[in-house]
């Protein structure tokens, strides 16, 4: 397998690690009525993370470990900010899965497209609106703050 493909999967794994962390923050701040939704998304990202770790191993790599903490793109003091963070996390995850879709074919492409779709649907639920092409960097660059949610704190 190519190192580019492995790098693409490692990037997806990093995004899933950051998503799991982000949903830990969301779960601590989200209002009661949306906690089950946050828990479900947290569980989905944990499952995707575990799946990506297996894929990286199958490709001959060593899965990257999660950082102890991640920089959030903005403060999250309340439920409204937690909702925005959840949508932001899903947008970022959709972006990396769009890269996996571009880099793969067959079953792997289908699985990546499923992950992209799931992230896009969750983003719509959190945001309350959709975007024309989920996962496109051009859209995320224009509408989102700099990509620090997947950046480990130093």
Foldseek 3Di string as FASTA:
>chain_A
DDVVLLVLLLVLLLLLLLLLQLLVLLLVAADPVCNVVSVVSNVVSVVVNVVSCVVSVVVVHHRDDRAPHFDQLDDRPHNLSSLVSLLLSLLVSLQSLVVNLVVDDDPSNVVSVVSNVVSQVSSCVSVVHHDDDRNDPVVCVVPHGPPRSSPHDD
